[in-house]
Protein backbone atom coordinates (compact mmCIF):
# COMPACT_ATOMS: atom_id res chain seq x y z
CA MET A 1 -5.04 25.24 22.50
CA ASN A 2 -4.16 21.26 22.53
CA LYS A 3 -5.60 21.34 18.93
CA MET A 4 -3.48 23.80 18.01
CA ARG A 5 -0.36 22.72 19.32
CA SER A 6 -1.11 19.05 17.54
CA TRP A 7 -1.04 20.88 14.23
CA ILE A 8 2.16 22.70 15.36
CA SER A 9 4.32 19.72 14.11
CA TRP A 10 7.62 19.43 11.66
CA SER A 11 5.36 16.67 9.65
CA ASN A 12 2.07 19.22 9.08
CA LEU A 13 5.00 21.89 8.29
CA ALA A 14 6.43 19.70 5.67
CA ILE A 15 3.12 19.16 4.07
CA VAL A 16 2.48 23.00 4.35
CA ILE A 17 6.10 23.46 2.39
CA ILE A 18 4.91 20.86 -0.27
CA MET A 19 1.62 22.30 -1.05
CA SER A 20 2.92 25.71 -1.39
CA ILE A 21 5.71 24.57 -3.95
CA ILE A 22 3.44 22.44 -5.78
CA VAL A 23 0.64 25.51 -6.12
CA THR A 24 3.19 27.93 -6.74
CA GLN A 25 4.84 25.68 -9.91
CA ILE A 26 1.12 25.19 -10.99
CA LEU A 27 -0.01 28.62 -11.41
CA SER A 28 3.76 29.69 -12.61
CA THR A 29 3.87 26.93 -15.46
CA LYS A 30 0.05 28.24 -16.73
CA PHE A 31 -0.32 25.13 -18.23
CA TYR A 32 -4.33 24.84 -17.93
CA GLU A 33 -4.10 28.18 -20.38
CA LYS A 34 -2.74 25.53 -22.98
CA PRO A 35 -4.78 23.64 -25.33
CA ASN A 36 -2.23 21.07 -25.97
CA ARG A 37 -1.57 20.69 -22.37
CA ILE A 38 -2.72 18.77 -19.38
CA ILE A 39 -5.68 16.73 -21.85
CA GLN A 40 -2.75 15.53 -23.70
CA SER A 41 -1.55 12.12 -24.93
CA ASP A 42 -2.64 9.48 -22.58
CA VAL A 43 -4.82 11.70 -20.87
CA GLY A 44 -7.06 12.11 -23.73
CA ASN A 45 -8.19 8.61 -23.94
CA TYR A 46 -8.50 8.54 -20.23
CA TYR A 47 -10.67 11.55 -19.89
CA ALA A 48 -12.82 10.37 -23.52
CA TYR A 49 -15.55 8.67 -21.47
CA LEU A 50 -16.71 11.55 -20.04
CA PRO A 51 -17.61 13.70 -22.85
CA LEU A 52 -18.04 11.15 -25.48
CA TYR A 53 -20.65 9.83 -22.97
CA PHE A 54 -22.51 13.09 -21.06
CA ILE A 55 -21.71 15.43 -24.14
CA PHE A 56 -21.75 14.21 -27.40
CA ASP A 57 -23.55 10.86 -27.09
CA GLN A 58 -20.95 9.11 -29.05
CA LEU A 59 -19.05 6.33 -27.46
CA ASP A 60 -19.18 3.96 -30.40
CA TYR A 61 -16.33 6.52 -31.99
CA ARG A 62 -18.82 7.61 -35.01
CA PHE A 63 -18.45 11.30 -34.88
CA ASP A 64 -20.29 13.83 -36.65
CA ALA A 65 -19.20 17.08 -38.13
CA VAL A 66 -20.04 19.09 -34.65
CA SER A 67 -17.97 16.60 -32.56
CA HIS A 68 -15.24 15.59 -34.75
CA PRO A 69 -13.64 19.49 -34.78
CA ILE A 70 -13.72 19.22 -31.09
CA VAL A 71 -12.46 15.57 -30.48
CA LYS A 72 -9.91 14.90 -33.00
CA ASP A 73 -7.05 16.40 -31.41
CA TYR A 74 -7.80 14.88 -27.91
CA ILE A 75 -8.59 10.81 -28.62
CA TYR A 76 -8.20 8.13 -30.58
CA SER A 77 -9.76 4.72 -31.08
CA ILE A 78 -9.03 1.15 -32.43
CA PRO A 79 -10.80 -1.36 -34.39
CA VAL A 80 -12.28 -4.51 -33.25
CA GLU A 81 -13.07 -7.36 -35.09
CA ASN A 82 -16.76 -6.66 -35.41
CA GLY A 83 -16.26 -3.44 -36.87
CA ASN A 84 -17.03 -1.29 -34.01
CA HIS A 85 -14.04 1.08 -32.70
CA ILE A 86 -13.23 1.23 -28.82
CA ASN A 87 -11.21 3.51 -26.45
CA PRO A 88 -7.93 1.38 -25.62
CA TYR A 89 -7.72 2.29 -22.30
CA THR A 90 -10.37 1.25 -19.07
CA MET A 91 -12.16 3.50 -17.62
CA GLY A 92 -10.77 4.23 -14.09
CA MET A 93 -9.41 7.32 -14.62
CA ALA A 94 -12.34 9.05 -16.36
CA MET A 95 -14.28 7.65 -12.93
CA THR A 96 -11.88 9.54 -10.45
CA TYR A 97 -11.80 13.07 -12.91
CA SER A 98 -15.91 12.51 -12.73
CA PRO A 99 -16.93 14.53 -9.74
CA PHE A 100 -14.54 17.54 -10.91
CA PHE A 101 -16.04 17.43 -14.17
CA PHE A 102 -19.73 17.50 -13.30
CA ALA A 103 -18.75 20.13 -11.09
CA VAL A 104 -17.55 22.50 -13.88
CA HIS A 105 -19.59 20.80 -16.83
CA TYR A 106 -23.24 21.22 -15.17
CA PRO A 107 -22.44 24.93 -14.14
CA LEU A 108 -21.10 25.75 -17.66
CA LYS A 109 -24.38 24.50 -19.29
CA TRP A 110 -26.74 26.05 -16.66
CA MET A 111 -25.09 29.61 -17.15
CA GLY A 112 -25.07 28.91 -21.16
CA TYR A 113 -21.41 28.88 -21.81
CA PRO A 114 -19.92 26.57 -24.07
CA ALA A 115 -19.54 22.96 -22.44
CA THR A 116 -17.23 21.45 -25.04
CA GLY A 117 -15.55 18.87 -22.21
CA PHE A 118 -12.03 20.37 -23.40
CA SER A 119 -11.71 23.81 -22.55
CA GLN A 120 -10.03 26.01 -20.20
CA PRO A 121 -12.49 24.62 -16.85
CA TYR A 122 -12.34 21.22 -18.06
CA ARG A 123 -8.28 21.55 -17.71
CA ILE A 124 -8.41 23.22 -14.43
CA ALA A 125 -11.09 20.59 -13.30
CA ILE A 126 -8.30 17.63 -14.14
CA ILE A 127 -5.48 19.94 -12.34
CA LEU A 128 -8.07 20.42 -9.24
CA ALA A 129 -8.73 16.67 -9.25
CA CYS A 130 -4.77 15.52 -9.06
CA LEU A 131 -4.27 18.28 -6.12
CA PHE A 132 -7.40 17.01 -4.14
CA TYR A 133 -6.40 13.41 -4.06
CA VAL A 134 -2.75 14.10 -3.56
CA ILE A 135 -3.38 16.51 -0.65
CA LEU A 136 -5.58 14.51 0.95
CA ALA A 137 -3.07 11.55 0.38
CA MET A 138 -0.14 13.36 2.42
CA PHE A 139 -2.80 13.68 5.38
CA LEU A 140 -3.37 10.23 5.56
CA LEU A 141 0.16 9.28 4.57
CA ARG A 142 1.04 11.45 7.47
CA ARG A 143 -1.38 9.31 10.09
CA VAL A 144 0.01 5.95 8.67
CA LEU A 145 3.66 7.12 9.18
CA ILE A 146 3.26 8.70 12.78
CA LYS A 147 2.05 5.45 14.25
CA ILE A 148 5.38 4.26 13.10
CA PHE A 149 7.85 6.83 13.39
CA SER A 150 8.65 10.02 14.87
CA ASP A 151 7.21 13.07 14.02
CA LYS A 152 10.73 14.56 12.45
CA VAL A 153 11.15 11.29 10.75
CA THR A 154 7.73 11.70 9.06
CA ALA A 155 8.10 15.16 8.27
CA VAL A 156 11.67 14.38 5.99
CA ALA A 157 9.89 11.02 4.55
CA LEU A 158 6.93 13.37 3.12
CA LEU A 159 9.73 15.67 1.66
CA ALA A 160 11.37 13.28 0.39
CA VAL A 161 8.59 11.02 -1.39
CA ILE A 162 6.70 14.17 -3.26
CA LEU A 163 9.62 16.45 -3.59
CA ALA A 164 12.58 13.96 -4.18
CA THR A 165 11.20 12.12 -6.94
CA ASN A 166 9.27 11.61 -10.29
CA LEU A 167 5.78 11.96 -8.46
CA LEU A 168 6.77 15.85 -7.98
CA TYR A 169 6.64 16.02 -11.99
CA TYR A 170 3.30 14.12 -12.36
CA ILE A 171 1.42 16.61 -9.63
CA ILE A 172 2.79 19.23 -11.69
CA TYR A 173 3.40 18.76 -15.58
CA GLU A 174 1.02 16.08 -16.03
CA PRO A 175 -1.50 16.04 -13.64
CA GLY A 176 -3.82 14.02 -15.81
CA MET A 177 -1.69 11.09 -15.88
CA THR A 178 -2.48 8.07 -13.83
CA HIS A 179 0.69 7.98 -11.52
CA ALA A 180 -0.03 10.49 -8.70
CA PHE A 181 -3.97 9.25 -8.73
CA ASN A 182 -2.65 5.80 -8.22
CA PHE A 183 -0.22 6.74 -5.30
CA SER A 184 -2.88 8.87 -4.10
CA PHE A 185 -5.36 5.62 -3.83
CA GLY A 186 -2.31 3.54 -2.94
CA VAL A 187 -1.99 5.90 0.12
CA TYR A 188 -6.04 5.54 1.24
CA PHE A 189 -5.49 1.78 0.65
CA LEU A 190 -2.54 1.51 3.45
CA TYR A 191 -4.36 3.89 5.59
CA LEU A 192 -7.69 1.76 5.14
CA THR A 193 -5.39 -1.77 6.03
CA MET A 194 -4.19 -0.23 9.11
CA LYS A 195 -7.79 0.97 10.18
CA TRP A 196 -9.33 -2.53 9.16
CA HIS A 197 -6.62 -4.57 10.72
CA GLU A 198 -7.05 -2.15 14.47
CA ARG A 199 -10.91 -2.46 13.88
CA PRO A 200 -12.06 -4.49 11.39
CA GLY A 201 -15.73 -2.89 10.07
CA ILE A 202 -18.27 -2.80 7.12
CA TRP A 203 -17.19 0.76 5.99
CA SER A 204 -13.40 0.57 5.94
CA SER A 205 -14.17 -2.74 3.89
CA ILE A 206 -16.43 -1.13 1.39
CA GLY A 207 -14.00 1.78 1.07
CA LEU A 208 -10.81 -1.32 0.64
CA GLY A 209 -13.17 -2.85 -1.99
CA LEU A 210 -13.69 0.48 -3.95
CA LEU A 211 -10.02 1.19 -4.00
CA THR A 212 -9.14 -2.18 -5.00
CA GLY A 213 -11.35 -1.76 -7.69
CA ILE A 214 -10.24 1.93 -9.24
CA ILE A 215 -6.58 1.09 -8.49
CA SER A 216 -6.93 -2.05 -10.72
CA LEU A 217 -8.96 -0.74 -13.34
CA ILE A 218 -6.73 2.56 -13.79
CA ARG A 219 -3.52 0.29 -13.89
CA PRO A 220 -4.50 -3.88 -13.63
CA THR A 221 -1.23 -4.96 -12.26
CA ASP A 222 -1.45 -2.42 -9.44
CA VAL A 223 -4.11 -5.42 -7.89
CA VAL A 224 -0.41 -6.20 -6.40
CA PHE A 225 -1.57 -3.71 -3.64
CA ALA A 226 -3.60 -6.42 -2.02
CA LEU A 227 -0.59 -8.17 -0.55
CA ILE A 228 -0.13 -5.22 2.18
CA PHE A 229 -3.72 -6.32 3.56
CA MET A 230 -3.18 -9.60 3.57
CA LEU A 231 0.02 -9.58 4.90
CA TRP A 232 -0.16 -6.20 7.51
CA LYS A 233 2.04 -6.68 10.34
CA VAL A 234 2.97 -10.39 9.55
CA ASP A 235 6.44 -11.08 11.27
CA SER A 236 5.80 -14.72 12.03
CA PHE A 237 4.14 -17.80 11.11
CA GLN A 238 1.69 -17.19 14.06
CA ALA A 239 1.01 -13.87 12.82
CA LEU A 240 0.69 -15.06 9.28
CA LYS A 241 -1.84 -17.66 10.83
CA ASN A 242 -3.56 -15.26 12.95
CA ASN A 243 -4.33 -13.08 9.85
CA VAL A 244 -5.84 -16.00 8.18
CA LEU A 245 -8.02 -17.00 11.03
CA LEU A 246 -9.08 -13.07 11.49
CA PHE A 247 -10.33 -13.06 7.45
CA LEU A 248 -11.98 -16.51 7.95
CA ASN A 249 -13.87 -15.15 11.35
CA LYS A 250 -14.42 -11.84 9.04
CA TRP A 251 -15.55 -13.88 5.97
CA HIS A 252 -18.26 -11.26 5.22
CA LEU A 253 -16.46 -8.37 4.97
CA ILE A 254 -13.65 -10.33 3.00
CA LEU A 255 -16.74 -10.84 0.62
CA ALA A 256 -17.86 -7.20 0.77
CA ILE A 257 -14.14 -6.07 -0.20
CA ILE A 258 -14.64 -8.29 -3.03
CA PHE A 259 -17.81 -7.94 -4.10
CA PHE A 260 -17.27 -3.63 -4.18
CA THR A 261 -14.18 -4.42 -6.12
CA PHE A 262 -15.99 -6.15 -8.53
CA LEU A 263 -19.07 -3.26 -8.67
CA VAL A 264 -16.14 -0.91 -9.94
CA TRP A 265 -15.66 -2.92 -12.88
CA VAL A 266 -18.92 -4.00 -13.61
CA PRO A 267 -19.19 -0.25 -16.03
CA GLN A 268 -16.16 -1.39 -17.85
CA PHE A 269 -17.16 -5.20 -18.26
CA LEU A 270 -20.61 -3.85 -20.04
CA TYR A 271 -18.69 -1.54 -21.91
CA TRP A 272 -16.39 -4.06 -23.53
CA LYS A 273 -19.77 -6.41 -23.96
CA HIS A 274 -21.66 -3.95 -26.10
CA TYR A 275 -18.54 -2.71 -28.35
CA THR A 276 -16.74 -5.80 -28.47
CA GLY A 277 -19.24 -8.93 -27.51
CA PHE A 278 -16.67 -9.90 -24.76
CA TYR A 279 -17.24 -9.12 -21.20
CA PHE A 280 -13.45 -9.12 -20.65
CA TYR A 281 -11.22 -7.41 -23.99
CA ASN A 282 -7.41 -6.91 -24.07
CA PRO A 283 -7.11 -4.22 -26.81
CA TYR A 284 -3.22 -4.86 -27.03
CA LYS A 285 -3.53 -8.60 -27.93
CA ASP A 286 -3.05 -7.74 -31.54
CA LEU A 287 -0.04 -5.30 -31.05
CA GLY A 288 2.51 -7.96 -29.64
CA PHE A 289 3.09 -6.16 -26.29
CA ARG A 290 3.46 -8.53 -23.58
CA PHE A 291 5.12 -9.79 -19.90
CA PHE A 292 7.98 -12.22 -19.97
CA PHE A 293 7.47 -13.38 -16.47
CA ASP A 294 10.06 -15.69 -17.07
CA ASN A 295 13.11 -12.64 -17.91
CA PRO A 296 12.62 -10.06 -15.76
CA GLN A 297 15.16 -7.05 -16.94
CA ILE A 298 15.63 -5.94 -13.12
CA PHE A 299 18.96 -4.59 -14.06
CA LEU A 300 17.80 -2.39 -16.86
CA SER A 301 14.62 -1.66 -14.83
CA PHE A 302 17.11 -0.19 -11.91
CA PHE A 303 20.09 1.19 -14.07
CA SER A 304 19.03 1.57 -17.23
CA TYR A 305 20.49 5.07 -18.86
CA ARG A 306 17.20 5.08 -21.27
CA LYS A 307 15.05 5.02 -18.34
CA GLY A 308 16.49 3.24 -15.10
CA TRP A 309 14.53 4.21 -11.80
CA LEU A 310 17.30 4.37 -9.60
CA LEU A 311 19.20 6.15 -11.97
CA TYR A 312 16.99 9.38 -12.52
CA THR A 313 15.64 8.85 -9.07
CA PRO A 314 18.35 8.07 -6.75
CA LEU A 315 16.53 8.79 -3.63
CA MET A 316 15.61 5.27 -3.82
CA LEU A 317 18.85 3.80 -3.18
CA LEU A 318 18.05 4.41 0.60
CA LEU A 319 15.75 1.74 0.26
CA LEU A 320 18.53 -0.73 0.80
CA PRO A 321 19.28 0.26 4.41
CA GLY A 322 16.00 1.49 5.17
CA PHE A 323 14.58 -2.44 4.80
CA ILE A 324 17.60 -3.42 6.95
CA VAL A 325 16.60 -0.64 9.33
CA LEU A 326 12.76 -2.21 8.92
CA TYR A 327 13.73 -5.82 9.60
CA ARG A 328 15.72 -4.86 12.76
CA LYS A 329 13.75 -2.37 14.42
CA TYR A 330 10.03 -2.46 13.02
CA ARG A 331 9.89 -6.35 11.96
CA ALA A 332 5.84 -6.38 11.88
CA TYR A 333 5.89 -4.01 8.99
CA PHE A 334 9.06 -5.58 7.15
CA TRP A 335 7.77 -8.31 5.62
CA PRO A 336 4.25 -7.50 3.84
CA VAL A 337 6.45 -4.21 2.19
CA PHE A 338 9.43 -6.40 1.43
CA ILE A 339 6.83 -9.10 -0.17
CA TYR A 340 4.97 -5.88 -2.04
CA PHE A 341 8.51 -4.86 -3.37
CA LEU A 342 9.75 -7.99 -4.85
CA ILE A 343 7.13 -9.05 -6.58
CA ASN A 344 6.10 -5.10 -7.88
CA LEU A 345 9.51 -5.35 -9.26
CA TRP A 346 8.73 -8.50 -11.15
CA ILE A 347 6.06 -7.26 -12.67
CA ILE A 348 7.15 -4.58 -13.83
CA SER A 349 10.44 -5.37 -14.94
CA SER A 350 8.70 -8.47 -16.61
CA TRP A 351 6.91 -5.74 -18.95
CA CYS A 352 8.38 -5.70 -22.74
CA LEU A 353 8.64 -2.32 -22.82
CA THR A 354 11.23 -1.71 -20.30
CA TRP A 355 11.18 2.26 -20.35
CA TYR A 356 7.34 2.07 -20.18
CA GLY A 357 6.87 4.79 -23.09
CA GLY A 358 7.89 8.39 -22.67
CA SER A 359 8.53 9.84 -19.27
CA TYR A 360 10.32 11.48 -17.01
CA GLY A 361 11.98 8.65 -14.84
CA LEU A 362 10.62 5.22 -14.68
CA ARG A 363 6.83 6.47 -13.82
CA ALA A 364 5.36 2.39 -13.36
CA TYR A 365 7.62 2.39 -9.95
CA ILE A 366 5.29 5.90 -8.58
CA ALA A 367 2.33 4.37 -7.32
CA SER A 368 4.25 2.12 -5.41
CA TYR A 369 6.00 5.07 -3.54
CA SER A 370 2.60 5.20 -1.35
CA ILE A 371 4.03 1.96 -0.22
CA MET A 372 7.98 2.25 -0.09
CA VAL A 373 7.80 5.66 1.90
CA ILE A 374 7.76 3.28 5.00
CA PRO A 375 11.32 1.52 4.09
CA LEU A 376 12.49 5.18 3.07
CA ALA A 377 11.23 6.82 6.66
CA ALA A 378 13.07 3.64 8.27
CA ALA A 379 16.37 4.88 6.47
CA PHE A 380 15.83 8.22 7.88
CA SER A 381 14.80 7.12 11.68
CA GLY A 382 18.69 5.09 11.45
CA ILE A 383 19.75 8.75 10.32
CA PHE A 384 17.82 10.15 13.31
CA ARG A 385 19.07 7.43 16.41
CA ARG A 386 21.84 9.94 16.93
CA LYS A 387 21.95 13.28 18.53
CA GLU A 388 18.99 14.91 17.84
CA ILE A 389 19.84 18.48 16.59
CA LEU A 390 22.77 16.48 13.96
CA SER A 391 20.66 13.81 12.96
CA LEU A 392 17.67 16.31 12.25
CA ILE A 393 20.40 18.86 10.08
CA LEU A 394 21.99 15.60 8.53
CA GLY A 395 18.52 13.92 7.44
CA ILE A 396 17.40 17.52 6.24
CA LEU A 397 20.91 18.05 4.07
CA ILE A 398 20.24 14.37 2.32
CA THR A 399 17.11 15.22 1.53
CA ALA A 400 17.58 18.72 0.23
CA VAL A 401 20.35 16.72 -2.06
CA PHE A 402 17.71 14.78 -3.37
CA VAL A 403 15.23 17.45 -3.79
CA VAL A 404 17.56 20.01 -5.79
CA HIS A 405 18.40 16.97 -8.09
CA ASN A 406 15.05 15.99 -8.80
CA MET A 407 13.99 19.65 -9.51
CA PHE A 408 17.57 20.29 -11.47
CA GLN A 409 16.64 16.94 -13.45
CA ILE A 410 12.91 18.17 -14.04
CA ARG A 411 14.09 21.60 -15.60
CA GLN A 412 16.27 19.37 -17.71
CA TYR A 413 13.68 17.03 -18.94
CA LEU A 414 11.41 20.27 -19.54
CA SER A 415 14.45 21.52 -21.78
CA GLY A 416 15.19 18.21 -23.79
CA ALA A 417 18.69 17.73 -22.04
CA ILE A 418 16.64 14.69 -20.88
CA HIS A 419 15.10 12.99 -23.50
CA TYR A 420 11.77 11.58 -22.59
CA ILE A 421 12.36 8.30 -24.29
CA SER A 422 16.06 8.04 -26.09
CA MET A 423 18.27 8.88 -23.62
CA THR A 424 21.88 6.63 -23.81
CA LYS A 425 24.80 6.28 -21.62
CA GLU A 426 26.57 8.77 -23.93
CA ALA A 427 23.46 11.13 -23.95
CA TYR A 428 23.38 10.91 -20.24
CA TRP A 429 27.00 12.22 -19.42
CA ASP A 430 26.77 14.42 -22.10
CA SER A 431 23.68 16.21 -20.40
CA PHE A 432 25.19 15.85 -16.79
CA LEU A 433 24.88 19.24 -14.91
CA ARG A 434 23.90 20.90 -17.91
CA GLU A 435 20.33 22.56 -17.71
CA ASN A 436 19.93 22.86 -21.58
CA PRO A 437 20.80 20.01 -24.34
CA SER A 438 24.05 20.39 -25.97
CA PRO A 439 24.13 21.14 -29.96
CA ARG A 440 25.49 17.18 -30.03
CA LEU A 441 23.04 15.80 -27.59
CA LYS A 442 20.68 14.51 -30.51
CA TYR A 443 23.30 12.69 -31.99
CA LEU A 444 23.67 10.77 -29.13
CA LEU A 445 19.92 9.40 -28.66
CA SER A 446 18.92 6.23 -29.50
CA TYR A 447 14.93 5.77 -30.09
CA PRO A 448 14.02 2.21 -28.47
CA ASP A 449 13.62 -1.17 -30.80
CA TYR A 450 10.21 -1.86 -29.91
CA GLU A 451 10.11 -4.86 -32.34
CA SER A 452 13.04 -6.70 -30.50
CA ALA A 453 11.65 -5.27 -27.24
CA LYS A 454 8.40 -7.81 -28.34
CA LEU A 455 10.93 -10.37 -28.73
CA GLY A 456 12.13 -9.79 -25.07
CA LYS A 457 15.39 -8.33 -26.37
CA TYR A 458 17.25 -5.44 -25.67
CA PRO A 459 20.09 -4.75 -28.02
CA THR A 460 22.79 -1.86 -26.68
CA PRO A 461 22.49 1.19 -28.54
CA VAL A 462 24.87 1.86 -31.03
CA ILE A 463 25.89 5.55 -31.21
CA ASP A 464 27.95 6.80 -33.89
CA PRO A 465 31.53 7.30 -32.55
CA LEU A 466 32.08 10.57 -34.67
CA TYR A 467 29.71 12.24 -32.13
CA THR A 468 31.25 10.33 -28.71
CA GLY A 469 34.34 12.24 -28.03
CA LYS A 470 36.43 8.66 -29.04
CA LEU A 471 37.70 10.01 -31.77
CA SER A 472 41.33 12.09 -32.61
CA ARG A 473 41.05 15.13 -35.19
CA GLU A 474 43.04 12.86 -37.92
CA GLU A 475 40.03 10.46 -37.53
CA ILE A 476 37.39 12.54 -37.55
CA LEU A 477 38.85 13.69 -40.83
CA GLN A 478 39.09 10.63 -42.55
CA ARG A 479 35.58 9.64 -41.34
CA LEU A 480 33.88 13.12 -42.90
CA LYS A 481 36.07 11.98 -46.23
CA LEU A 482 34.47 8.93 -46.36
CA ASP A 483 30.99 10.60 -45.61
CA LEU A 484 31.64 13.24 -48.44
CA LEU A 485 32.38 10.50 -50.87
CA GLN A 486 29.49 8.46 -50.24
CA GLU A 487 27.55 11.55 -50.76
CA TYR A 488 29.46 12.22 -54.05
CA ILE A 489 28.96 8.43 -55.24
CA SER A 490 25.02 8.00 -54.70
CA ASP A 491 23.89 11.61 -55.82
CA SER A 492 24.55 12.82 -59.36
CA LEU A 493 23.38 16.19 -58.76
CA LYS A 494 26.33 16.64 -56.32
CA GLN A 495 28.77 14.65 -58.55
CA GLN A 496 28.21 17.40 -61.04
CA ASP A 497 28.00 20.45 -58.99
CA TRP A 498 31.45 19.40 -56.64
CA THR A 499 33.30 18.10 -59.84
CA ALA A 500 32.66 21.45 -61.29
CA LYS A 501 33.72 23.32 -58.12
CA ALA A 502 36.98 21.05 -58.05
CA ALA A 503 37.77 22.22 -61.87
CA GLU A 504 37.55 25.61 -61.04
CA GLU A 505 39.65 25.32 -57.84
CA ASN A 506 42.30 23.12 -60.02
CA LEU A 507 42.12 20.36 -57.86
CA SER A 508 41.47 16.73 -58.24
CA ILE A 509 37.79 15.42 -56.69
CA GLU A 510 39.42 13.45 -53.97
CA THR A 511 41.56 16.81 -52.77
CA TYR A 512 38.25 18.90 -53.37
CA LEU A 513 36.47 16.18 -50.81
CA GLY A 514 38.97 16.36 -48.63
CA LYS A 515 38.96 20.11 -47.91
CA GLN A 516 35.49 20.06 -47.69
CA ALA A 517 35.73 17.48 -45.33
CA GLY A 518 38.32 19.72 -43.26
CA ILE A 519 36.00 22.71 -43.41
CA ARG A 520 33.01 20.28 -42.26
CA MET A 521 34.91 18.89 -39.26
CA GLU A 522 35.99 22.58 -38.16
CA GLU A 523 32.55 24.00 -38.37
CA GLN A 524 30.85 21.21 -36.25
CA ILE A 525 33.98 21.46 -33.53
CA SER A 526 32.96 25.22 -33.31
CA ALA A 527 29.58 24.40 -32.91
CA GLY A 528 29.81 21.83 -30.37
CA ILE A 529 28.33 19.04 -32.16
CA ILE A 530 31.67 17.13 -32.58
CA VAL A 531 34.47 17.10 -29.70
CA PRO A 532 37.76 15.51 -30.86
CA LYS A 533 39.65 13.35 -28.58
CA ASN A 534 42.20 15.11 -26.21
């Protein structure tokens, strides 16, 4: 009876709700049925190590007539100086997929079915991998939060961090990407950090080492998670001194963490050494992409219309009051979390491509949600300190607003009303509250300037004023006349055609072009492509 009562709680109910929404959405989208989904884009290369080694034995990327038709739509390689070709991505994600890959691959072989590595069973395996890691993370995160906050605060924090952020998108619609995985591993790391500091032991040390290895192998900059371990519950210089003495006293366990971190990287080092001649190789060294640590673009990272984190994931605005509550009421957790937040922010905002490729929201922050959920929960705990029923209703309402906003934005993203990489201020407000893109949205987009970004420069996108709603009908007409005149001057065929039509109507070419400009203007206004100033 007591065990049953322990399961009947707000936080467990929250997990059930989250799981129900995720599974329902996955089953309704049926992306696993589509060959061009799940194993797509970057995922193809994250995953490539498994089929290329265990099915085709062609990690050298020299494909034969049998393998090439199967893999050509999913993976690519880059050349190295010695003439070999390698996978530009590390093998961390392949390691995380591998138990689910093997669970599908070998039964297919034993039963005599085609085992190509890219069919529907393999896509389902990647979805199940993501679901497994995320569900386990939710239960472990509940254990962490329940030690610090109340059950109701924990429940609301879980609902918020999963359903009201771009993490939800990467669980349901792009489950093979790194983000839900490193969020999950970050939660495991946080949980084992808590357990290790309560009672240091060899098994938790091995776990922390393996997790540090896999987190950093998936995305090397996420090694900053180690700060949480080093600064855990440090709220004074004395606490910092105690942690240092603890590490010195448990030096053998610290060595175990380091050893198992290195062990995870060994296959990657051997792969690079075999195909490049170096134990460590940077595939992007010749492409010009790099960090500008002396010039972090914090404002763009937070508020850019292209991909600003706080603009597209406004739930995280609660971090400010959350850190205040954390400092006042839960000081032992404030400094490790706040220092991690600052250094992670510095790293993320220093990358030259501040928008981090095509994505829903600024996906580079998703892994940090495993830690940021602590100040997020603290913000809700500040609300819950008032009258219990009213505070619970208020907390649920606030969370519901962010959840609805996030789910609506996901629909906008899927429909194209939010572009994956080219949003501007004008495009954002044109799509505001629209589930589907307007006819003029494509004229308000601006593809990012990669060459300028490589130099650490980020020019403000310039949008043609014809489509911004800032021109009157007279100004629009004059502009379209000039456009038609340019077409007339630069195209000899149009010169002949339009001159003949002007003669037929007994009009000068200037009058004819003015008439056509008026027709074009009315057509584009009627179609919603141009909106005149009121």
